[in-house]
């Protein structure tokens, strides 16, 4: 058995990890955003008639905002990829010899001999010239272009998955809703922080502590503001 059998040499693994990392970050945003607003309102008033609409608005509005932002961002990336593919296709049609030389030079730069690089370039060009150039020059897979709609949907779902936790705990009876929300949110942030660190290959304790401390500060700040407004009678 090869010592490399366990290594992820599957095509597109980097893209899948990026999607997973984005999902974790989206869930983290949902947890913090909804919890901060829910705790802030709950600190100002125990009335669920105020807490529920504000928390629901944070949950739905945040998910839609995340989805829209991701759609716009990925649409720009998708347009760029399509433009590059069209440009490469036109160059292959109008200057095939120069494109073959370019592909050969790219393989030569990877350490292959001139003869081997030329042979590889010729064989790949005969098989699928466009795919060969997109892969080597631009690192683009024409069968796996980014989808703005899929990105938007994934972002919204990730935000909702994270935000539903504080939304649920803030509906508990008044004496326990805020402390339970604090505990649940910090535990959830610890999990997302650890998962994000593992996916990104960074140190788990430091990344987890960073996320938890940041979330705790956000909750404490909104709690203090809500309590102040409730005490002064503004809210």
C-alpha atoms as a PDB file:
ATOM      1  CA  UNK A   1       0.000   0.000   0.000  1.00  0.00           C
ATOM      2  CA  UNK A   2       1.367   3.438  -0.945  1.00  0.00           C
ATOM      3  CA  UNK A   3       2.227   5.849   1.853  1.00  0.00           C
ATOM      4  CA  UNK A   4       0.389   8.515  -0.139  1.00  0.00           C
ATOM      5  CA  UNK A   5      -2.939   6.679  -0.373  1.00  0.00           C
ATOM      6  CA  UNK A   6      -4.493   8.799   2.361  1.00  0.00           C
ATOM      7  CA  UNK A   7      -3.539  12.114   0.788  1.00  0.00           C
ATOM      8  CA  UNK A   8      -6.382  14.083  -0.882  1.00  0.00           C
ATOM      9  CA  UNK A   9      -5.273  13.979  -4.522  1.00  0.00           C
ATOM     10  CA  UNK A  10      -8.856  14.258  -5.701  1.00  0.00           C
ATOM     11  CA  UNK A  11      -9.465  17.038  -8.236  1.00  0.00           C
ATOM     12  CA  UNK A  12     -11.260  19.978  -6.778  1.00  0.00           C
ATOM     13  CA  UNK A  13     -10.407  19.161  -3.157  1.00  0.00           C
ATOM     14  CA  UNK A  14      -9.169  22.710  -2.584  1.00  0.00           C
ATOM     15  CA  UNK A  15     -12.432  24.126  -3.887  1.00  0.00           C
ATOM     16  CA  UNK A  16     -14.446  21.820  -1.631  1.00  0.00           C
ATOM     17  CA  UNK A  17     -12.402  22.871   1.378  1.00  0.00           C
ATOM     18  CA  UNK A  18     -12.999  26.508   0.490  1.00  0.00           C
ATOM     19  CA  UNK A  19     -16.749  25.882   0.345  1.00  0.00           C
ATOM     20  CA  UNK A  20     -16.645  24.116   3.704  1.00  0.00           C
ATOM     21  CA  UNK A  21     -14.594  26.922   5.228  1.00  0.00           C
ATOM     22  CA  UNK A  22     -17.071  29.481   3.875  1.00  0.00           C
ATOM     23  CA  UNK A  23     -19.923  27.490   5.401  1.00  0.00           C
ATOM     24  CA  UNK A  24     -18.251  27.464   8.805  1.00  0.00           C
ATOM     25  CA  UNK A  25     -17.629  31.205   8.630  1.00  0.00           C
ATOM     26  CA  UNK A  26     -21.237  31.792   7.569  1.00  0.00           C
ATOM     27  CA  UNK A  27     -22.503  29.780  10.528  1.00  0.00           C
ATOM     28  CA  UNK A  28     -20.191  31.707  12.817  1.00  0.00           C
ATOM     29  CA  UNK A  29     -21.572  35.006  11.493  1.00  0.00           C
ATOM     30  CA  UNK A  30     -25.111  33.780  12.071  1.00  0.00           C
ATOM     31  CA  UNK A  31     -24.364  32.800  15.650  1.00  0.00           C
ATOM     32  CA  UNK A  32     -22.754  36.098  16.593  1.00  0.00           C
ATOM     33  CA  UNK A  33     -25.064  38.421  14.652  1.00  0.00           C
ATOM     34  CA  UNK A  34     -28.354  36.962  15.846  1.00  0.00           C
ATOM     35  CA  UNK A  35     -27.129  36.376  19.397  1.00  0.00           C
ATOM     36  CA  UNK A  36     -25.865  39.934  19.752  1.00  0.00           C
ATOM     37  CA  UNK A  37     -29.193  41.446  18.726  1.00  0.00           C
ATOM     38  CA  UNK A  38     -31.246  38.927  20.703  1.00  0.00           C
ATOM     39  CA  UNK A  39     -29.239  39.461  23.876  1.00  0.00           C
ATOM     40  CA  UNK A  40     -29.272  43.224  23.457  1.00  0.00           C
ATOM     41  CA  UNK A  41     -33.043  43.376  23.137  1.00  0.00           C
ATOM     42  CA  UNK A  42     -33.574  40.827  25.914  1.00  0.00           C
ATOM     43  CA  UNK A  43     -31.376  42.899  28.213  1.00  0.00           C
ATOM     44  CA  UNK A  44     -33.525  45.947  27.514  1.00  0.00           C
ATOM     45  CA  UNK A  45     -36.887  44.244  27.975  1.00  0.00           C
ATOM     46  CA  UNK A  46     -38.153  40.761  28.923  1.00  0.00           C
ATOM     47  CA  UNK A  47     -41.142  41.196  26.597  1.00  0.00           C
ATOM     48  CA  UNK A  48     -41.102  38.490  23.911  1.00  0.00           C
ATOM     49  CA  UNK A  49     -43.222  40.759  21.730  1.00  0.00           C
ATOM     50  CA  UNK A  50     -40.080  42.852  21.286  1.00  0.00           C
ATOM     51  CA  UNK A  51     -37.470  40.096  21.435  1.00  0.00           C
ATOM     52  CA  UNK A  52     -38.981  37.745  18.855  1.00  0.00           C
ATOM     53  CA  UNK A  53     -39.475  40.245  15.992  1.00  0.00           C
ATOM     54  CA  UNK A  54     -35.998  41.720  16.491  1.00  0.00           C
ATOM     55  CA  UNK A  55     -34.348  38.293  16.605  1.00  0.00           C
ATOM     56  CA  UNK A  56     -36.349  37.028  13.629  1.00  0.00           C
ATOM     57  CA  UNK A  57     -35.441  40.129  11.649  1.00  0.00           C
ATOM     58  CA  UNK A  58     -31.767  39.589  12.472  1.00  0.00           C
ATOM     59  CA  UNK A  59     -31.996  35.947  11.423  1.00  0.00           C
ATOM     60  CA  UNK A  60     -33.820  36.470   8.120  1.00  0.00           C
ATOM     61  CA  UNK A  61     -32.217  39.792   7.250  1.00  0.00           C
ATOM     62  CA  UNK A  62     -28.748  38.495   7.975  1.00  0.00           C
ATOM     63  CA  UNK A  63     -29.273  35.389   5.843  1.00  0.00           C
ATOM     64  CA  UNK A  64     -30.566  37.467   2.922  1.00  0.00           C
ATOM     65  CA  UNK A  65     -27.707  39.927   3.281  1.00  0.00           C
ATOM     66  CA  UNK A  66     -25.138  37.127   3.296  1.00  0.00           C
ATOM     67  CA  UNK A  67     -26.781  35.509   0.275  1.00  0.00           C
ATOM     68  CA  UNK A  68     -26.857  38.756  -1.686  1.00  0.00           C
ATOM     69  CA  UNK A  69     -23.253  39.595  -0.872  1.00  0.00           C
ATOM     70  CA  UNK A  70     -22.098  36.118  -1.882  1.00  0.00           C
ATOM     71  CA  UNK A  71     -24.146  36.219  -5.077  1.00  0.00           C
ATOM     72  CA  UNK A  72     -22.638  39.534  -6.162  1.00  0.00           C
ATOM     73  CA  UNK A  73     -19.107  38.437  -5.300  1.00  0.00           C
ATOM     74  CA  UNK A  74     -19.317  35.041  -6.991  1.00  0.00           C
ATOM     75  CA  UNK A  75     -21.106  36.513 -10.019  1.00  0.00           C
ATOM     76  CA  UNK A  76     -18.097  38.745 -10.610  1.00  0.00           C
ATOM     77  CA  UNK A  77     -15.794  35.746 -10.322  1.00  0.00           C
ATOM     78  CA  UNK A  78     -17.999  33.715 -12.666  1.00  0.00           C
ATOM     79  CA  UNK A  79     -18.045  36.505 -15.256  1.00  0.00           C
ATOM     80  CA  UNK A  80     -14.257  36.730 -15.102  1.00  0.00           C
ATOM     81  CA  UNK A  81     -13.862  32.980 -15.571  1.00  0.00           C
ATOM     82  CA  UNK A  82     -16.211  32.950 -18.561  1.00  0.00           C
ATOM     83  CA  UNK A  83     -14.373  35.882 -20.138  1.00  0.00           C
ATOM     84  CA  UNK A  84     -11.034  34.126 -19.691  1.00  0.00           C
ATOM     85  CA  UNK A  85     -12.407  30.933 -21.241  1.00  0.00           C
ATOM     86  CA  UNK A  86     -13.738  32.855 -24.242  1.00  0.00           C
ATOM     87  CA  UNK A  87     -10.387  34.641 -24.664  1.00  0.00           C
ATOM     88  CA  UNK A  88      -8.457  31.377 -24.487  1.00  0.00           C
ATOM     89  CA  UNK A  89     -10.781  29.718 -26.994  1.00  0.00           C
ATOM     90  CA  UNK A  90     -10.280  32.595 -29.438  1.00  0.00           C
ATOM     91  CA  UNK A  91      -6.494  32.478 -29.061  1.00  0.00           C
ATOM     92  CA  UNK A  92      -6.487  28.752 -29.759  1.00  0.00           C
ATOM     93  CA  UNK A  93      -8.525  29.374 -32.895  1.00  0.00           C
ATOM     94  CA  UNK A  94      -6.421  32.221 -34.245  1.00  0.00           C
ATOM     95  CA  UNK A  95      -2.890  31.345 -33.105  1.00  0.00           C
ATOM     96  CA  UNK A  96      -2.625  27.605 -32.372  1.00  0.00           C
ATOM     97  CA  UNK A  97       1.147  27.427 -32.935  1.00  0.00           C
ATOM     98  CA  UNK A  98       1.894  30.190 -30.447  1.00  0.00           C
ATOM     99  CA  UNK A  99      -0.461  28.614 -27.921  1.00  0.00           C
ATOM    100  CA  UNK A 100       1.298  25.263 -28.289  1.00  0.00           C
ATOM    101  CA  UNK A 101       4.634  26.965 -27.688  1.00  0.00           C
ATOM    102  CA  UNK A 102       3.206  28.698 -24.668  1.00  0.00           C
ATOM    103  CA  UNK A 103       1.916  25.427 -23.217  1.00  0.00           C
ATOM    104  CA  UNK A 104       5.288  23.803 -23.864  1.00  0.00           C
ATOM    105  CA  UNK A 105       7.091  26.600 -22.056  1.00  0.00           C
ATOM    106  CA  UNK A 106       4.774  26.265 -19.080  1.00  0.00           C
ATOM    107  CA  UNK A 107       5.572  22.584 -18.735  1.00  0.00           C
ATOM    108  CA  UNK A 108       9.246  23.356 -19.279  1.00  0.00           C
ATOM    109  CA  UNK A 109       9.025  25.794 -16.353  1.00  0.00           C
ATOM    110  CA  UNK A 110       7.704  22.935 -14.227  1.00  0.00           C
ATOM    111  CA  UNK A 111      11.029  21.136 -14.670  1.00  0.00           C
ATOM    112  CA  UNK A 112      10.369  18.932 -17.707  1.00  0.00           C
ATOM    113  CA  UNK A 113      12.930  18.676 -20.464  1.00  0.00           C
ATOM    114  CA  UNK A 114      12.220  20.513 -23.711  1.00  0.00           C
ATOM    115  CA  UNK A 115      11.448  17.272 -25.518  1.00  0.00           C
ATOM    116  CA  UNK A 116       9.172  15.910 -22.807  1.00  0.00           C
ATOM    117  CA  UNK A 117       7.417  19.239 -22.312  1.00  0.00           C
ATOM    118  CA  UNK A 118       6.722  19.483 -26.051  1.00  0.00           C
ATOM    119  CA  UNK A 119       5.429  15.924 -26.216  1.00  0.00           C
ATOM    120  CA  UNK A 120       3.106  16.460 -23.238  1.00  0.00           C
ATOM    121  CA  UNK A 121       1.828  19.730 -24.716  1.00  0.00           C
ATOM    122  CA  UNK A 122       1.150  18.093 -28.088  1.00  0.00           C
ATOM    123  CA  UNK A 123      -0.679  15.114 -26.583  1.00  0.00           C
ATOM    124  CA  UNK A 124      -2.834  17.285 -24.330  1.00  0.00           C
ATOM    125  CA  UNK A 125      -3.581  19.670 -27.189  1.00  0.00           C
ATOM    126  CA  UNK A 126      -4.712  16.789 -29.378  1.00  0.00           C
ATOM    127  CA  UNK A 127      -6.938  15.499 -26.599  1.00  0.00           C
ATOM    128  CA  UNK A 128      -8.487  18.805 -25.453  1.00  0.00           C
ATOM    129  CA  UNK A 129      -6.506  21.965 -26.163  1.00  0.00           C
ATOM    130  CA  UNK A 130      -8.845  24.327 -24.327  1.00  0.00           C
ATOM    131  CA  UNK A 131      -8.946  22.247 -21.167  1.00  0.00           C
ATOM    132  CA  UNK A 132      -5.164  21.864 -21.180  1.00  0.00           C
ATOM    133  CA  UNK A 133      -4.594  25.613 -21.425  1.00  0.00           C
ATOM    134  CA  UNK A 134      -7.269  26.513 -18.886  1.00  0.00           C
ATOM    135  CA  UNK A 135      -5.817  24.081 -16.385  1.00  0.00           C
ATOM    136  CA  UNK A 136      -2.167  24.986 -16.840  1.00  0.00           C
ATOM    137  CA  UNK A 137      -2.424  28.723 -17.460  1.00  0.00           C
ATOM    138  CA  UNK A 138      -5.441  29.780 -15.437  1.00  0.00           C
ATOM    139  CA  UNK A 139      -6.167  26.914 -13.026  1.00  0.00           C
ATOM    140  CA  UNK A 140      -9.763  26.791 -14.275  1.00  0.00           C
ATOM    141  CA  UNK A 141     -11.844  23.633 -14.652  1.00  0.00           C
ATOM    142  CA  UNK A 142     -14.538  24.334 -17.285  1.00  0.00           C
ATOM    143  CA  UNK A 143     -16.730  21.623 -15.738  1.00  0.00           C
ATOM    144  CA  UNK A 144     -16.570  23.162 -12.278  1.00  0.00           C
ATOM    145  CA  UNK A 145     -17.168  26.882 -12.684  1.00  0.00           C
ATOM    146  CA  UNK A 146     -18.402  28.778  -9.661  1.00  0.00           C
ATOM    147  CA  UNK A 147     -22.177  29.136  -9.359  1.00  0.00           C
ATOM    148  CA  UNK A 148     -23.505  32.418  -7.899  1.00  0.00           C
ATOM    149  CA  UNK A 149     -26.875  30.874  -7.026  1.00  0.00           C
ATOM    150  CA  UNK A 150     -25.309  27.884  -5.311  1.00  0.00           C
ATOM    151  CA  UNK A 151     -22.958  30.162  -3.387  1.00  0.00           C
ATOM    152  CA  UNK A 152     -25.821  32.423  -2.316  1.00  0.00           C
ATOM    153  CA  UNK A 153     -27.934  29.480  -1.174  1.00  0.00           C
ATOM    154  CA  UNK A 154     -25.057  27.898   0.750  1.00  0.00           C
ATOM    155  CA  UNK A 155     -24.246  31.190   2.455  1.00  0.00           C
ATOM    156  CA  UNK A 156     -27.849  31.764   3.508  1.00  0.00           C
ATOM    157  CA  UNK A 157     -28.227  28.208   4.830  1.00  0.00           C
ATOM    158  CA  UNK A 158     -24.977  28.459   6.791  1.00  0.00           C
ATOM    159  CA  UNK A 159     -26.071  31.736   8.391  1.00  0.00           C
ATOM    160  CA  UNK A 160     -29.495  30.315   9.273  1.00  0.00           C
ATOM    161  CA  UNK A 161     -27.922  27.167  10.737  1.00  0.00           C
ATOM    162  CA  UNK A 162     -25.811  29.257  13.064  1.00  0.00           C
ATOM    163  CA  UNK A 163     -28.402  31.919  13.857  1.00  0.00           C
ATOM    164  CA  UNK A 164     -31.164  29.478  14.767  1.00  0.00           C
ATOM    165  CA  UNK A 165     -29.313  28.507  17.976  1.00  0.00           C
ATOM    166  CA  UNK A 166     -29.489  31.891  19.750  1.00  0.00           C
ATOM    167  CA  UNK A 167     -32.932  32.488  18.269  1.00  0.00           C
ATOM    168  CA  UNK A 168     -34.164  29.324  19.983  1.00  0.00           C
ATOM    169  CA  UNK A 169     -32.477  29.907  23.345  1.00  0.00           C
ATOM    170  CA  UNK A 170     -33.668  33.507  23.626  1.00  0.00           C
ATOM    171  CA  UNK A 171     -37.248  32.157  23.683  1.00  0.00           C
ATOM    172  CA  UNK A 172     -36.622  30.396  27.000  1.00  0.00           C
ATOM    173  CA  UNK A 173     -38.176  31.743  30.237  1.00  0.00           C
ATOM    174  CA  UNK A 174     -36.898  35.190  31.220  1.00  0.00           C
ATOM    175  CA  UNK A 175     -34.724  34.165  34.208  1.00  0.00           C
ATOM    176  CA  UNK A 176     -32.556  31.823  32.116  1.00  0.00           C
ATOM    177  CA  UNK A 177     -32.795  33.042  28.531  1.00  0.00           C
ATOM    178  CA  UNK A 178     -29.755  35.358  28.587  1.00  0.00           C
ATOM    179  CA  UNK A 179     -27.312  33.128  30.537  1.00  0.00           C
ATOM    180  CA  UNK A 180     -28.313  30.044  28.536  1.00  0.00           C
ATOM    181  CA  UNK A 181     -27.895  31.997  25.295  1.00  0.00           C
ATOM    182  CA  UNK A 182     -24.427  33.087  26.416  1.00  0.00           C
ATOM    183  CA  UNK A 183     -23.400  29.505  27.191  1.00  0.00           C
ATOM    184  CA  UNK A 184     -24.867  27.981  24.034  1.00  0.00           C
ATOM    185  CA  UNK A 185     -23.388  30.686  21.807  1.00  0.00           C
ATOM    186  CA  UNK A 186     -19.901  30.395  23.287  1.00  0.00           C
ATOM    187  CA  UNK A 187     -19.955  26.593  22.956  1.00  0.00           C
ATOM    188  CA  UNK A 188     -21.153  26.870  19.349  1.00  0.00           C
ATOM    189  CA  UNK A 189     -18.443  29.435  18.600  1.00  0.00           C
ATOM    190  CA  UNK A 190     -15.826  27.145  20.111  1.00  0.00           C
ATOM    191  CA  UNK A 191     -16.979  24.326  17.822  1.00  0.00           C
ATOM    192  CA  UNK A 192     -17.029  26.467  14.683  1.00  0.00           C
ATOM    193  CA  UNK A 193     -13.681  27.995  15.596  1.00  0.00           C
ATOM    194  CA  UNK A 194     -12.094  24.576  16.061  1.00  0.00           C
ATOM    195  CA  UNK A 195     -13.625  23.241  12.851  1.00  0.00           C
ATOM    196  CA  UNK A 196     -12.520  26.277  10.878  1.00  0.00           C
ATOM    197  CA  UNK A 197      -8.997  25.934  12.256  1.00  0.00           C
ATOM    198  CA  UNK A 198      -8.821  22.259  11.294  1.00  0.00           C
ATOM    199  CA  UNK A 199     -10.030  22.992   7.776  1.00  0.00           C
ATOM    200  CA  UNK A 200      -7.564  25.848   7.394  1.00  0.00           C
ATOM    201  CA  UNK A 201      -4.701  23.916   8.959  1.00  0.00           C
ATOM    202  CA  UNK A 202      -4.081  26.504  11.690  1.00  0.00           C
ATOM    203  CA  UNK A 203      -3.599  26.038  15.438  1.00  0.00           C
ATOM    204  CA  UNK A 204      -6.926  24.933  16.937  1.00  0.00           C
ATOM    205  CA  UNK A 205      -6.570  26.388  20.468  1.00  0.00           C
ATOM    206  CA  UNK A 206      -5.556  29.847  19.301  1.00  0.00           C
ATOM    207  CA  UNK A 207      -8.212  30.047  16.574  1.00  0.00           C
ATOM    208  CA  UNK A 208     -10.900  28.754  18.920  1.00  0.00           C
ATOM    209  CA  UNK A 209      -9.944  31.206  21.673  1.00  0.00           C
ATOM    210  CA  UNK A 210      -9.977  34.086  19.180  1.00  0.00           C
ATOM    211  CA  UNK A 211     -13.500  33.277  18.012  1.00  0.00           C
ATOM    212  CA  UNK A 212     -14.856  32.690  21.516  1.00  0.00           C
ATOM    213  CA  UNK A 213     -13.335  35.875  22.938  1.00  0.00           C
ATOM    214  CA  UNK A 214     -14.631  37.912  19.998  1.00  0.00           C
ATOM    215  CA  UNK A 215     -18.128  36.490  20.424  1.00  0.00           C
ATOM    216  CA  UNK A 216     -18.069  37.059  24.166  1.00  0.00           C
ATOM    217  CA  UNK A 217     -17.083  40.692  23.658  1.00  0.00           C
ATOM    218  CA  UNK A 218     -19.899  41.191  21.146  1.00  0.00           C
ATOM    219  CA  UNK A 219     -22.472  39.656  23.485  1.00  0.00           C
ATOM    220  CA  UNK A 220     -21.224  41.604  26.481  1.00  0.00           C
ATOM    221  CA  UNK A 221     -21.314  44.878  24.555  1.00  0.00           C
ATOM    222  CA  UNK A 222     -24.861  44.425  23.270  1.00  0.00           C
ATOM    223  CA  UNK A 223     -26.023  43.201  26.673  1.00  0.00           C
ATOM    224  CA  UNK A 224     -24.575  46.301  28.326  1.00  0.00           C
ATOM    225  CA  UNK A 225     -26.166  48.617  25.770  1.00  0.00           C
ATOM    226  CA  UNK A 226     -29.534  46.883  26.052  1.00  0.00           C
ATOM    227  CA  UNK A 227     -29.436  46.945  29.845  1.00  0.00           C
ATOM    228  CA  UNK A 228     -28.512  50.626  29.831  1.00  0.00           C
ATOM    229  CA  UNK A 229     -31.354  51.512  27.490  1.00  0.00           C
ATOM    230  CA  UNK A 230     -33.778  49.425  29.526  1.00  0.00           C
ATOM    231  CA  UNK A 231     -32.671  51.060  32.776  1.00  0.00           C
ATOM    232  CA  UNK A 232     -32.969  54.575  31.443  1.00  0.00           C
ATOM    233  CA  UNK A 233     -36.412  53.855  30.036  1.00  0.00           C
ATOM    234  CA  UNK A 234     -35.410  54.638  26.448  1.00  0.00           C
ATOM    235  CA  UNK A 235     -36.314  51.104  25.383  1.00  0.00           C
END
